[in-house]
Amino acid sequence: MNFHGTTILAVRHHGKVALAGDGQVTLNDTIVKHHAKKVRRIYHDKIIVGFAGSTADALTLSEKLEARLDRYNGNLTRAAVEMARDWRSDKFLRKLEALMIAADDSRTFLLSGNGDIIEPDDAVIGIGSGGVAAQAAATALIRFTDMGPVDIVKQAMSIAASLCVYTNSEITIEEI
C-alpha cells in the first residue's frame, strides 16, 4: 500500500511568509482523508512547518526539529544544521521518507529525510505531488500581481488542486 498526496507551498513576500498545505491523504487509488492538517506552528508559534511524505516520518522530522529548536533557542538555521548532522550519523534517520519546509521570520528551508538542507534562491518553494504546479503558480503571482503571501498561496494551491489528483482544495495556511 502506498500513501500519496500532499502539496506544501511556502511563499515569502512583502516581509511575511505564508505556508500552505492541502488536506488530502490517498491510499493507493482511494482518498482516505480530506481534512488532514499538514501545516502547523512549532517553537512558541515562531516557526511554521509543512510535511510531505510518510506521516510517521514527517512527524519524526518535526519532533527532531522542535527538539533542536529548544536546544538552540529557536535559531532555525542552527537547529536545521545540527539535525542534518544527526541524519548523517544515524541509520534510522537516514531512512526517513519525508520532506519538510520550515520557515521563521527571516529564513525558509527545505529539510529532507536524507539530511539535506536547502534554502531556496527564490521566495517560493513547493514540495509533494502538486508542489511543482503550486510553485510555478506562486512564482507567476509574485511576478505579475501585488498580492500578499496568504492570497498567493491560496490561489497557487487552488491551481495545484485543479491539476494534481493527489491534492485537494481543503487548504491549511499559517503566516508569520
N, C-alpha and C. Protein backbone atom coordinates (compact mmCIF):
# COMPACT_ATOMS: atom_id res chain seq x y z
N MET A 1 0.83 -1.18 0.00
CA MET A 1 0.00 0.00 0.00
C MET A 1 0.88 1.24 0.00
N ASN A 2 0.55 2.18 -0.85
CA ASN A 2 1.30 3.42 -0.94
C ASN A 2 0.42 4.60 -0.60
N PHE A 3 0.88 5.42 0.34
CA PHE A 3 0.20 6.66 0.65
C PHE A 3 0.73 7.73 -0.29
N HIS A 4 -0.17 8.52 -0.84
CA HIS A 4 0.21 9.61 -1.72
C HIS A 4 -0.52 10.86 -1.27
N GLY A 5 -0.06 11.95 -1.76
CA GLY A 5 -0.88 13.13 -1.74
C GLY A 5 -0.56 14.14 -0.70
N THR A 6 0.23 15.06 -1.09
CA THR A 6 0.47 16.24 -0.29
C THR A 6 0.99 17.31 -1.22
N THR A 7 0.52 18.50 -1.03
CA THR A 7 1.15 19.65 -1.65
C THR A 7 1.38 20.66 -0.55
N ILE A 8 2.63 21.07 -0.41
CA ILE A 8 3.02 22.07 0.58
C ILE A 8 3.70 23.20 -0.19
N LEU A 9 3.35 24.43 0.15
CA LEU A 9 3.89 25.60 -0.54
C LEU A 9 4.24 26.68 0.46
N ALA A 10 5.44 27.24 0.32
CA ALA A 10 5.86 28.38 1.13
C ALA A 10 6.14 29.57 0.22
N VAL A 11 5.64 30.74 0.62
CA VAL A 11 5.85 31.98 -0.12
C VAL A 11 6.31 33.05 0.85
N ARG A 12 7.44 33.65 0.57
CA ARG A 12 7.96 34.77 1.34
C ARG A 12 7.82 36.01 0.46
N HIS A 13 7.03 36.99 0.93
CA HIS A 13 6.71 38.15 0.10
C HIS A 13 6.23 39.28 1.00
N HIS A 14 6.60 40.50 0.67
CA HIS A 14 6.19 41.69 1.43
C HIS A 14 6.54 41.57 2.92
N GLY A 15 7.67 40.96 3.23
CA GLY A 15 8.13 40.88 4.62
C GLY A 15 7.44 39.83 5.47
N LYS A 16 6.64 38.97 4.86
CA LYS A 16 5.95 37.91 5.58
C LYS A 16 6.16 36.59 4.85
N VAL A 17 5.88 35.50 5.57
CA VAL A 17 5.93 34.19 4.93
C VAL A 17 4.63 33.46 5.23
N ALA A 18 4.06 32.84 4.20
CA ALA A 18 2.86 32.01 4.35
C ALA A 18 3.21 30.60 3.91
N LEU A 19 2.72 29.64 4.66
CA LEU A 19 2.95 28.22 4.37
C LEU A 19 1.58 27.56 4.27
N ALA A 20 1.35 26.83 3.19
CA ALA A 20 0.05 26.20 2.96
C ALA A 20 0.22 24.72 2.67
N GLY A 21 -0.77 23.94 3.06
CA GLY A 21 -0.81 22.52 2.75
C GLY A 21 -2.23 22.09 2.46
N ASP A 22 -2.38 21.17 1.54
CA ASP A 22 -3.71 20.65 1.24
C ASP A 22 -4.08 19.60 2.28
N GLY A 23 -5.33 19.13 2.23
CA GLY A 23 -5.82 18.22 3.25
C GLY A 23 -6.03 16.79 2.82
N GLN A 24 -5.65 16.44 1.61
CA GLN A 24 -5.97 15.10 1.09
C GLN A 24 -4.90 14.07 1.42
N VAL A 25 -5.35 12.90 1.85
CA VAL A 25 -4.48 11.74 2.03
C VAL A 25 -5.07 10.62 1.20
N THR A 26 -4.21 10.00 0.40
CA THR A 26 -4.66 8.95 -0.52
C THR A 26 -3.92 7.66 -0.22
N LEU A 27 -4.67 6.56 -0.20
CA LEU A 27 -4.10 5.22 -0.04
C LEU A 27 -4.39 4.47 -1.33
N ASN A 28 -3.32 4.14 -2.06
CA ASN A 28 -3.46 3.57 -3.41
C ASN A 28 -4.34 4.47 -4.26
N ASP A 29 -5.50 4.01 -4.70
CA ASP A 29 -6.35 4.86 -5.54
C ASP A 29 -7.58 5.37 -4.81
N THR A 30 -7.52 5.42 -3.47
CA THR A 30 -8.66 5.84 -2.67
C THR A 30 -8.29 7.02 -1.78
N ILE A 31 -9.13 8.03 -1.77
CA ILE A 31 -8.95 9.15 -0.84
C ILE A 31 -9.46 8.69 0.52
N VAL A 32 -8.60 8.69 1.52
CA VAL A 32 -8.98 8.22 2.85
C VAL A 32 -9.17 9.36 3.83
N LYS A 33 -8.74 10.55 3.49
CA LYS A 33 -8.92 11.70 4.37
C LYS A 33 -8.94 12.96 3.51
N HIS A 34 -9.86 13.87 3.85
CA HIS A 34 -10.00 15.12 3.11
C HIS A 34 -9.45 16.32 3.87
N HIS A 35 -9.38 16.22 5.19
CA HIS A 35 -9.06 17.39 6.02
C HIS A 35 -7.83 17.18 6.89
N ALA A 36 -6.80 16.54 6.37
CA ALA A 36 -5.56 16.36 7.14
C ALA A 36 -4.89 17.72 7.32
N LYS A 37 -4.28 17.91 8.47
CA LYS A 37 -3.55 19.16 8.72
C LYS A 37 -2.06 18.86 8.61
N LYS A 38 -1.45 19.36 7.54
CA LYS A 38 -0.05 19.08 7.25
C LYS A 38 0.84 20.29 7.48
N VAL A 39 0.26 21.36 7.96
CA VAL A 39 0.99 22.59 8.27
C VAL A 39 0.68 22.95 9.71
N ARG A 40 1.73 23.30 10.47
CA ARG A 40 1.48 23.70 11.86
C ARG A 40 2.59 24.61 12.35
N ARG A 41 2.31 25.24 13.48
CA ARG A 41 3.28 26.11 14.13
C ARG A 41 4.01 25.31 15.21
N ILE A 42 5.31 25.60 15.35
CA ILE A 42 6.10 24.99 16.41
C ILE A 42 6.94 26.07 17.08
N TYR A 43 7.64 25.69 18.10
CA TYR A 43 8.53 26.56 18.87
C TYR A 43 7.89 27.91 19.19
N HIS A 44 6.96 27.86 20.12
CA HIS A 44 6.28 29.07 20.62
C HIS A 44 5.61 29.86 19.50
N ASP A 45 5.11 29.16 18.50
CA ASP A 45 4.42 29.75 17.34
C ASP A 45 5.30 30.67 16.50
N LYS A 46 6.62 30.54 16.61
CA LYS A 46 7.54 31.39 15.86
C LYS A 46 8.02 30.75 14.56
N ILE A 47 7.76 29.47 14.40
CA ILE A 47 8.21 28.74 13.22
C ILE A 47 7.04 27.94 12.68
N ILE A 48 6.91 27.94 11.36
CA ILE A 48 5.86 27.13 10.73
C ILE A 48 6.52 26.04 9.89
N VAL A 49 5.89 24.87 9.92
CA VAL A 49 6.41 23.73 9.17
C VAL A 49 5.27 23.08 8.39
N GLY A 50 5.63 22.49 7.27
CA GLY A 50 4.70 21.71 6.46
C GLY A 50 5.39 20.43 6.04
N PHE A 51 4.65 19.31 6.02
CA PHE A 51 5.23 18.00 5.78
C PHE A 51 4.70 17.36 4.51
N ALA A 52 5.55 16.59 3.86
CA ALA A 52 5.15 15.75 2.74
C ALA A 52 5.86 14.41 2.91
N GLY A 53 5.16 13.34 2.56
CA GLY A 53 5.76 12.02 2.66
C GLY A 53 5.06 11.18 3.69
N SER A 54 5.74 10.17 4.16
CA SER A 54 5.19 9.28 5.17
C SER A 54 4.82 10.07 6.42
N THR A 55 3.61 9.88 6.91
CA THR A 55 3.14 10.64 8.06
C THR A 55 4.02 10.42 9.29
N ALA A 56 4.32 9.19 9.59
CA ALA A 56 5.15 8.90 10.77
C ALA A 56 6.53 9.53 10.61
N ASP A 57 7.11 9.44 9.42
CA ASP A 57 8.42 10.03 9.20
C ASP A 57 8.37 11.55 9.27
N ALA A 58 7.31 12.13 8.73
CA ALA A 58 7.16 13.59 8.80
C ALA A 58 7.04 14.06 10.24
N LEU A 59 6.28 13.33 11.05
CA LEU A 59 6.16 13.70 12.46
C LEU A 59 7.49 13.53 13.19
N THR A 60 8.24 12.51 12.82
CA THR A 60 9.57 12.32 13.41
C THR A 60 10.47 13.50 13.07
N LEU A 61 10.46 13.94 11.81
CA LEU A 61 11.25 15.11 11.42
C LEU A 61 10.85 16.33 12.23
N SER A 62 9.55 16.55 12.37
CA SER A 62 9.07 17.70 13.13
C SER A 62 9.52 17.65 14.58
N GLU A 63 9.40 16.49 15.20
CA GLU A 63 9.82 16.35 16.60
C GLU A 63 11.32 16.58 16.76
N LYS A 64 12.11 16.04 15.84
CA LYS A 64 13.56 16.24 15.88
C LYS A 64 13.91 17.72 15.72
N LEU A 65 13.22 18.39 14.79
CA LEU A 65 13.49 19.81 14.59
C LEU A 65 13.11 20.61 15.82
N GLU A 66 11.94 20.30 16.39
CA GLU A 66 11.50 21.05 17.57
C GLU A 66 12.45 20.85 18.74
N ALA A 67 12.98 19.64 18.91
CA ALA A 67 13.96 19.40 19.98
C ALA A 67 15.21 20.23 19.76
N ARG A 68 15.65 20.32 18.52
CA ARG A 68 16.83 21.14 18.21
C ARG A 68 16.54 22.62 18.40
N LEU A 69 15.35 23.05 18.06
CA LEU A 69 14.99 24.45 18.27
C LEU A 69 15.01 24.80 19.75
N ASP A 70 14.51 23.89 20.58
CA ASP A 70 14.57 24.11 22.03
C ASP A 70 16.02 24.23 22.49
N ARG A 71 16.84 23.37 21.97
CA ARG A 71 18.25 23.36 22.38
C ARG A 71 18.99 24.63 21.93
N TYR A 72 18.64 25.16 20.76
CA TYR A 72 19.34 26.33 20.21
C TYR A 72 18.48 27.59 20.25
N ASN A 73 17.60 27.69 21.22
CA ASN A 73 16.81 28.90 21.48
C ASN A 73 16.09 29.46 20.26
N GLY A 74 15.53 28.57 19.44
CA GLY A 74 14.73 28.99 18.31
C GLY A 74 15.50 29.39 17.07
N ASN A 75 16.81 29.18 17.05
CA ASN A 75 17.62 29.51 15.88
C ASN A 75 17.40 28.43 14.83
N LEU A 76 16.58 28.73 13.83
CA LEU A 76 16.19 27.74 12.82
C LEU A 76 17.39 27.24 12.03
N THR A 77 18.28 28.13 11.65
CA THR A 77 19.44 27.72 10.86
C THR A 77 20.29 26.72 11.64
N ARG A 78 20.61 27.06 12.86
CA ARG A 78 21.45 26.18 13.69
C ARG A 78 20.76 24.84 13.95
N ALA A 79 19.47 24.90 14.26
CA ALA A 79 18.71 23.67 14.53
C ALA A 79 18.70 22.76 13.30
N ALA A 80 18.51 23.34 12.12
CA ALA A 80 18.48 22.55 10.89
C ALA A 80 19.84 21.93 10.60
N VAL A 81 20.89 22.68 10.78
CA VAL A 81 22.24 22.16 10.53
C VAL A 81 22.57 21.02 11.50
N GLU A 82 22.25 21.21 12.76
CA GLU A 82 22.53 20.17 13.75
C GLU A 82 21.70 18.91 13.49
N MET A 83 20.47 19.10 13.04
CA MET A 83 19.63 17.96 12.71
C MET A 83 20.21 17.20 11.52
N ALA A 84 20.74 17.91 10.54
CA ALA A 84 21.36 17.26 9.38
C ALA A 84 22.58 16.44 9.81
N ARG A 85 23.33 16.93 10.75
CA ARG A 85 24.47 16.15 11.25
C ARG A 85 24.00 14.84 11.87
N ASP A 86 22.91 14.89 12.60
CA ASP A 86 22.34 13.67 13.19
C ASP A 86 21.97 12.67 12.10
N TRP A 87 21.35 13.15 11.03
CA TRP A 87 20.92 12.27 9.96
C TRP A 87 22.09 11.50 9.36
N ARG A 88 23.16 12.20 9.18
CA ARG A 88 24.30 11.57 8.51
C ARG A 88 24.97 10.50 9.36
N SER A 89 24.73 10.54 10.67
CA SER A 89 25.38 9.56 11.55
C SER A 89 24.41 8.52 12.13
N ASP A 90 23.13 8.64 11.87
CA ASP A 90 22.14 7.74 12.46
C ASP A 90 21.46 6.91 11.37
N LYS A 91 21.57 5.58 11.44
CA LYS A 91 21.00 4.70 10.41
C LYS A 91 19.48 4.85 10.29
N PHE A 92 18.79 5.01 11.41
CA PHE A 92 17.34 5.14 11.39
C PHE A 92 16.93 6.43 10.70
N LEU A 93 17.53 7.53 11.07
CA LEU A 93 17.14 8.81 10.50
C LEU A 93 17.40 8.88 9.00
N ARG A 94 18.45 8.23 8.51
CA ARG A 94 18.78 8.27 7.08
C ARG A 94 17.70 7.61 6.22
N LYS A 95 16.82 6.84 6.82
CA LYS A 95 15.80 6.11 6.06
C LYS A 95 14.43 6.78 6.09
N LEU A 96 14.34 7.96 6.67
CA LEU A 96 13.06 8.64 6.72
C LEU A 96 12.62 9.04 5.31
N GLU A 97 11.35 8.81 5.02
CA GLU A 97 10.80 9.14 3.71
C GLU A 97 9.85 10.31 3.85
N ALA A 98 10.44 11.48 4.03
CA ALA A 98 9.62 12.67 4.21
C ALA A 98 10.42 13.90 3.82
N LEU A 99 9.70 14.95 3.50
CA LEU A 99 10.25 16.27 3.26
C LEU A 99 9.51 17.24 4.17
N MET A 100 10.19 18.30 4.55
CA MET A 100 9.54 19.30 5.39
C MET A 100 10.04 20.68 4.95
N ILE A 101 9.13 21.63 4.92
CA ILE A 101 9.51 23.02 4.75
C ILE A 101 9.37 23.66 6.13
N ALA A 102 10.39 24.38 6.54
CA ALA A 102 10.36 25.08 7.82
C ALA A 102 10.72 26.54 7.56
N ALA A 103 9.97 27.44 8.17
CA ALA A 103 10.20 28.87 7.95
C ALA A 103 10.03 29.63 9.25
N ASP A 104 10.89 30.64 9.42
CA ASP A 104 10.72 31.58 10.51
C ASP A 104 10.56 32.97 9.89
N ASP A 105 10.74 34.01 10.67
CA ASP A 105 10.50 35.35 10.13
C ASP A 105 11.55 35.80 9.11
N SER A 106 12.66 35.07 8.97
CA SER A 106 13.67 35.52 8.03
C SER A 106 14.21 34.44 7.07
N ARG A 107 14.03 33.16 7.38
CA ARG A 107 14.61 32.09 6.55
C ARG A 107 13.57 31.03 6.24
N THR A 108 13.75 30.38 5.10
CA THR A 108 12.93 29.24 4.71
C THR A 108 13.87 28.12 4.29
N PHE A 109 13.61 26.90 4.79
CA PHE A 109 14.44 25.75 4.45
C PHE A 109 13.59 24.58 4.03
N LEU A 110 14.11 23.81 3.09
CA LEU A 110 13.58 22.50 2.75
C LEU A 110 14.48 21.50 3.46
N LEU A 111 13.89 20.65 4.30
CA LEU A 111 14.62 19.63 5.04
C LEU A 111 14.13 18.28 4.58
N SER A 112 15.08 17.36 4.34
CA SER A 112 14.67 16.04 3.88
C SER A 112 15.09 14.96 4.86
N GLY A 113 14.45 13.81 4.70
CA GLY A 113 14.82 12.65 5.49
C GLY A 113 16.16 12.07 5.10
N ASN A 114 16.79 12.64 4.07
CA ASN A 114 18.15 12.24 3.70
C ASN A 114 19.20 13.12 4.34
N GLY A 115 18.78 14.13 5.09
CA GLY A 115 19.71 15.03 5.74
C GLY A 115 20.05 16.25 4.92
N ASP A 116 19.29 16.52 3.88
CA ASP A 116 19.52 17.70 3.05
C ASP A 116 18.89 18.93 3.70
N ILE A 117 19.57 20.06 3.57
CA ILE A 117 19.03 21.35 3.98
C ILE A 117 19.20 22.27 2.78
N ILE A 118 18.09 22.74 2.26
CA ILE A 118 18.15 23.60 1.08
C ILE A 118 17.40 24.88 1.37
N GLU A 119 18.07 26.00 1.17
CA GLU A 119 17.40 27.30 1.25
C GLU A 119 17.16 27.75 -0.18
N PRO A 120 15.91 27.92 -0.58
CA PRO A 120 15.63 28.24 -1.97
C PRO A 120 16.18 29.61 -2.37
N ASP A 121 16.59 29.73 -3.64
CA ASP A 121 17.07 31.00 -4.16
C ASP A 121 15.96 32.03 -4.20
N ASP A 122 14.78 31.57 -4.62
CA ASP A 122 13.64 32.47 -4.75
C ASP A 122 12.82 32.47 -3.47
N ALA A 123 11.80 33.24 -3.46
CA ALA A 123 10.94 33.38 -2.28
C ALA A 123 9.86 32.31 -2.22
N VAL A 124 9.95 31.29 -3.10
CA VAL A 124 8.89 30.29 -3.22
C VAL A 124 9.51 28.90 -3.24
N ILE A 125 8.86 27.96 -2.52
CA ILE A 125 9.26 26.56 -2.62
C ILE A 125 8.02 25.69 -2.42
N GLY A 126 7.90 24.67 -3.26
CA GLY A 126 6.80 23.73 -3.16
C GLY A 126 7.33 22.31 -3.12
N ILE A 127 6.64 21.46 -2.36
CA ILE A 127 7.02 20.04 -2.29
C ILE A 127 5.76 19.19 -2.39
N GLY A 128 5.97 17.92 -2.64
CA GLY A 128 4.86 16.98 -2.71
C GLY A 128 4.35 16.81 -4.12
N SER A 129 3.26 16.09 -4.24
CA SER A 129 2.75 15.71 -5.55
C SER A 129 2.35 16.90 -6.42
N GLY A 130 1.83 17.94 -5.83
CA GLY A 130 1.44 19.14 -6.58
C GLY A 130 2.39 20.30 -6.35
N GLY A 131 3.54 20.02 -5.79
CA GLY A 131 4.49 21.07 -5.43
C GLY A 131 4.99 21.90 -6.61
N VAL A 132 5.27 21.25 -7.73
CA VAL A 132 5.78 21.98 -8.89
C VAL A 132 4.70 22.91 -9.43
N ALA A 133 3.47 22.44 -9.53
CA ALA A 133 2.39 23.29 -10.03
C ALA A 133 2.15 24.47 -9.10
N ALA A 134 2.12 24.20 -7.79
CA ALA A 134 1.90 25.28 -6.82
C ALA A 134 3.04 26.29 -6.86
N GLN A 135 4.27 25.81 -6.96
CA GLN A 135 5.42 26.71 -7.00
C GLN A 135 5.40 27.57 -8.26
N ALA A 136 5.09 26.97 -9.39
CA ALA A 136 5.02 27.73 -10.64
C ALA A 136 3.94 28.80 -10.58
N ALA A 137 2.78 28.44 -10.07
CA ALA A 137 1.68 29.41 -9.96
C ALA A 137 2.05 30.55 -9.01
N ALA A 138 2.65 30.22 -7.87
CA ALA A 138 3.04 31.24 -6.90
C ALA A 138 4.10 32.17 -7.47
N THR A 139 5.05 31.61 -8.20
CA THR A 139 6.10 32.43 -8.81
C THR A 139 5.49 33.43 -9.78
N ALA A 140 4.55 33.00 -10.60
CA ALA A 140 3.89 33.91 -11.54
C ALA A 140 3.09 34.98 -10.80
N LEU A 141 2.41 34.59 -9.73
CA LEU A 141 1.61 35.56 -8.97
C LEU A 141 2.50 36.61 -8.30
N ILE A 142 3.65 36.21 -7.81
CA ILE A 142 4.58 37.17 -7.22
C ILE A 142 5.07 38.16 -8.28
N ARG A 143 5.40 37.64 -9.45
CA ARG A 143 5.96 38.49 -10.51
C ARG A 143 4.95 39.44 -11.14
N PHE A 144 3.69 38.99 -11.23
CA PHE A 144 2.74 39.75 -12.03
C PHE A 144 1.54 40.30 -11.28
N THR A 145 1.56 40.20 -9.94
CA THR A 145 0.48 40.81 -9.15
C THR A 145 1.11 41.47 -7.93
N ASP A 146 0.29 42.16 -7.18
CA ASP A 146 0.74 42.77 -5.93
C ASP A 146 0.05 42.09 -4.75
N MET A 147 -0.32 40.84 -4.91
CA MET A 147 -1.00 40.09 -3.85
C MET A 147 -0.04 39.84 -2.69
N GLY A 148 -0.62 39.68 -1.50
CA GLY A 148 0.16 39.30 -0.33
C GLY A 148 0.40 37.81 -0.31
N PRO A 149 1.27 37.34 0.60
CA PRO A 149 1.62 35.92 0.60
C PRO A 149 0.46 34.97 0.89
N VAL A 150 -0.46 35.34 1.74
CA VAL A 150 -1.60 34.45 2.02
C VAL A 150 -2.47 34.29 0.79
N ASP A 151 -2.76 35.39 0.11
CA ASP A 151 -3.57 35.30 -1.11
C ASP A 151 -2.83 34.53 -2.21
N ILE A 152 -1.53 34.70 -2.28
CA ILE A 152 -0.75 33.97 -3.28
C ILE A 152 -0.82 32.47 -3.02
N VAL A 153 -0.61 32.03 -1.77
CA VAL A 153 -0.64 30.58 -1.52
C VAL A 153 -2.05 30.02 -1.73
N LYS A 154 -3.08 30.79 -1.39
CA LYS A 154 -4.46 30.33 -1.65
C LYS A 154 -4.67 30.06 -3.13
N GLN A 155 -4.32 31.04 -3.96
CA GLN A 155 -4.54 30.90 -5.39
C GLN A 155 -3.65 29.81 -6.00
N ALA A 156 -2.40 29.77 -5.59
CA ALA A 156 -1.47 28.77 -6.14
C ALA A 156 -1.89 27.35 -5.75
N MET A 157 -2.32 27.18 -4.51
CA MET A 157 -2.79 25.86 -4.07
C MET A 157 -4.06 25.46 -4.80
N SER A 158 -4.93 26.42 -5.09
CA SER A 158 -6.13 26.14 -5.85
C SER A 158 -5.78 25.66 -7.26
N ILE A 159 -4.79 26.29 -7.86
CA ILE A 159 -4.33 25.87 -9.19
C ILE A 159 -3.74 24.47 -9.12
N ALA A 160 -2.91 24.21 -8.11
CA ALA A 160 -2.32 22.87 -7.96
C ALA A 160 -3.42 21.82 -7.78
N ALA A 161 -4.45 22.14 -6.98
CA ALA A 161 -5.54 21.19 -6.75
C ALA A 161 -6.32 20.90 -8.03
N SER A 162 -6.37 21.86 -8.94
CA SER A 162 -7.08 21.64 -10.20
C SER A 162 -6.28 20.77 -11.16
N LEU A 163 -4.98 20.59 -10.90
CA LEU A 163 -4.12 19.82 -11.79
C LEU A 163 -3.68 18.47 -11.23
N CYS A 164 -3.53 18.38 -9.92
CA CYS A 164 -2.96 17.19 -9.29
C CYS A 164 -4.05 16.38 -8.60
N VAL A 165 -4.20 15.11 -8.97
CA VAL A 165 -5.24 14.28 -8.38
C VAL A 165 -4.98 13.94 -6.91
N TYR A 166 -3.76 14.15 -6.43
CA TYR A 166 -3.42 13.87 -5.04
C TYR A 166 -3.49 15.12 -4.16
N THR A 167 -4.05 16.19 -4.69
CA THR A 167 -4.15 17.47 -3.97
C THR A 167 -5.60 17.92 -3.98
N ASN A 168 -6.09 18.35 -2.82
CA ASN A 168 -7.46 18.87 -2.79
C ASN A 168 -7.48 20.34 -2.40
N SER A 169 -8.67 20.90 -2.32
CA SER A 169 -8.84 22.34 -2.04
C SER A 169 -9.06 22.64 -0.57
N GLU A 170 -8.91 21.67 0.29
CA GLU A 170 -9.03 21.88 1.74
C GLU A 170 -7.67 22.34 2.26
N ILE A 171 -7.44 23.64 2.23
CA ILE A 171 -6.11 24.21 2.47
C ILE A 171 -5.99 24.72 3.90
N THR A 172 -4.85 24.40 4.52
CA THR A 172 -4.46 24.98 5.81
C THR A 172 -3.35 25.98 5.53
N ILE A 173 -3.48 27.19 6.08
CA ILE A 173 -2.47 28.22 5.87
C ILE A 173 -2.05 28.80 7.21
N GLU A 174 -0.74 28.96 7.38
CA GLU A 174 -0.16 29.64 8.52
C GLU A 174 0.72 30.76 7.99
N GLU A 175 0.76 31.88 8.70
CA GLU A 175 1.56 33.03 8.27
C GLU A 175 2.32 33.61 9.45
N ILE A 176 3.56 34.00 9.20
CA ILE A 176 4.32 34.76 10.20
C ILE A 176 4.98 35.94 9.50
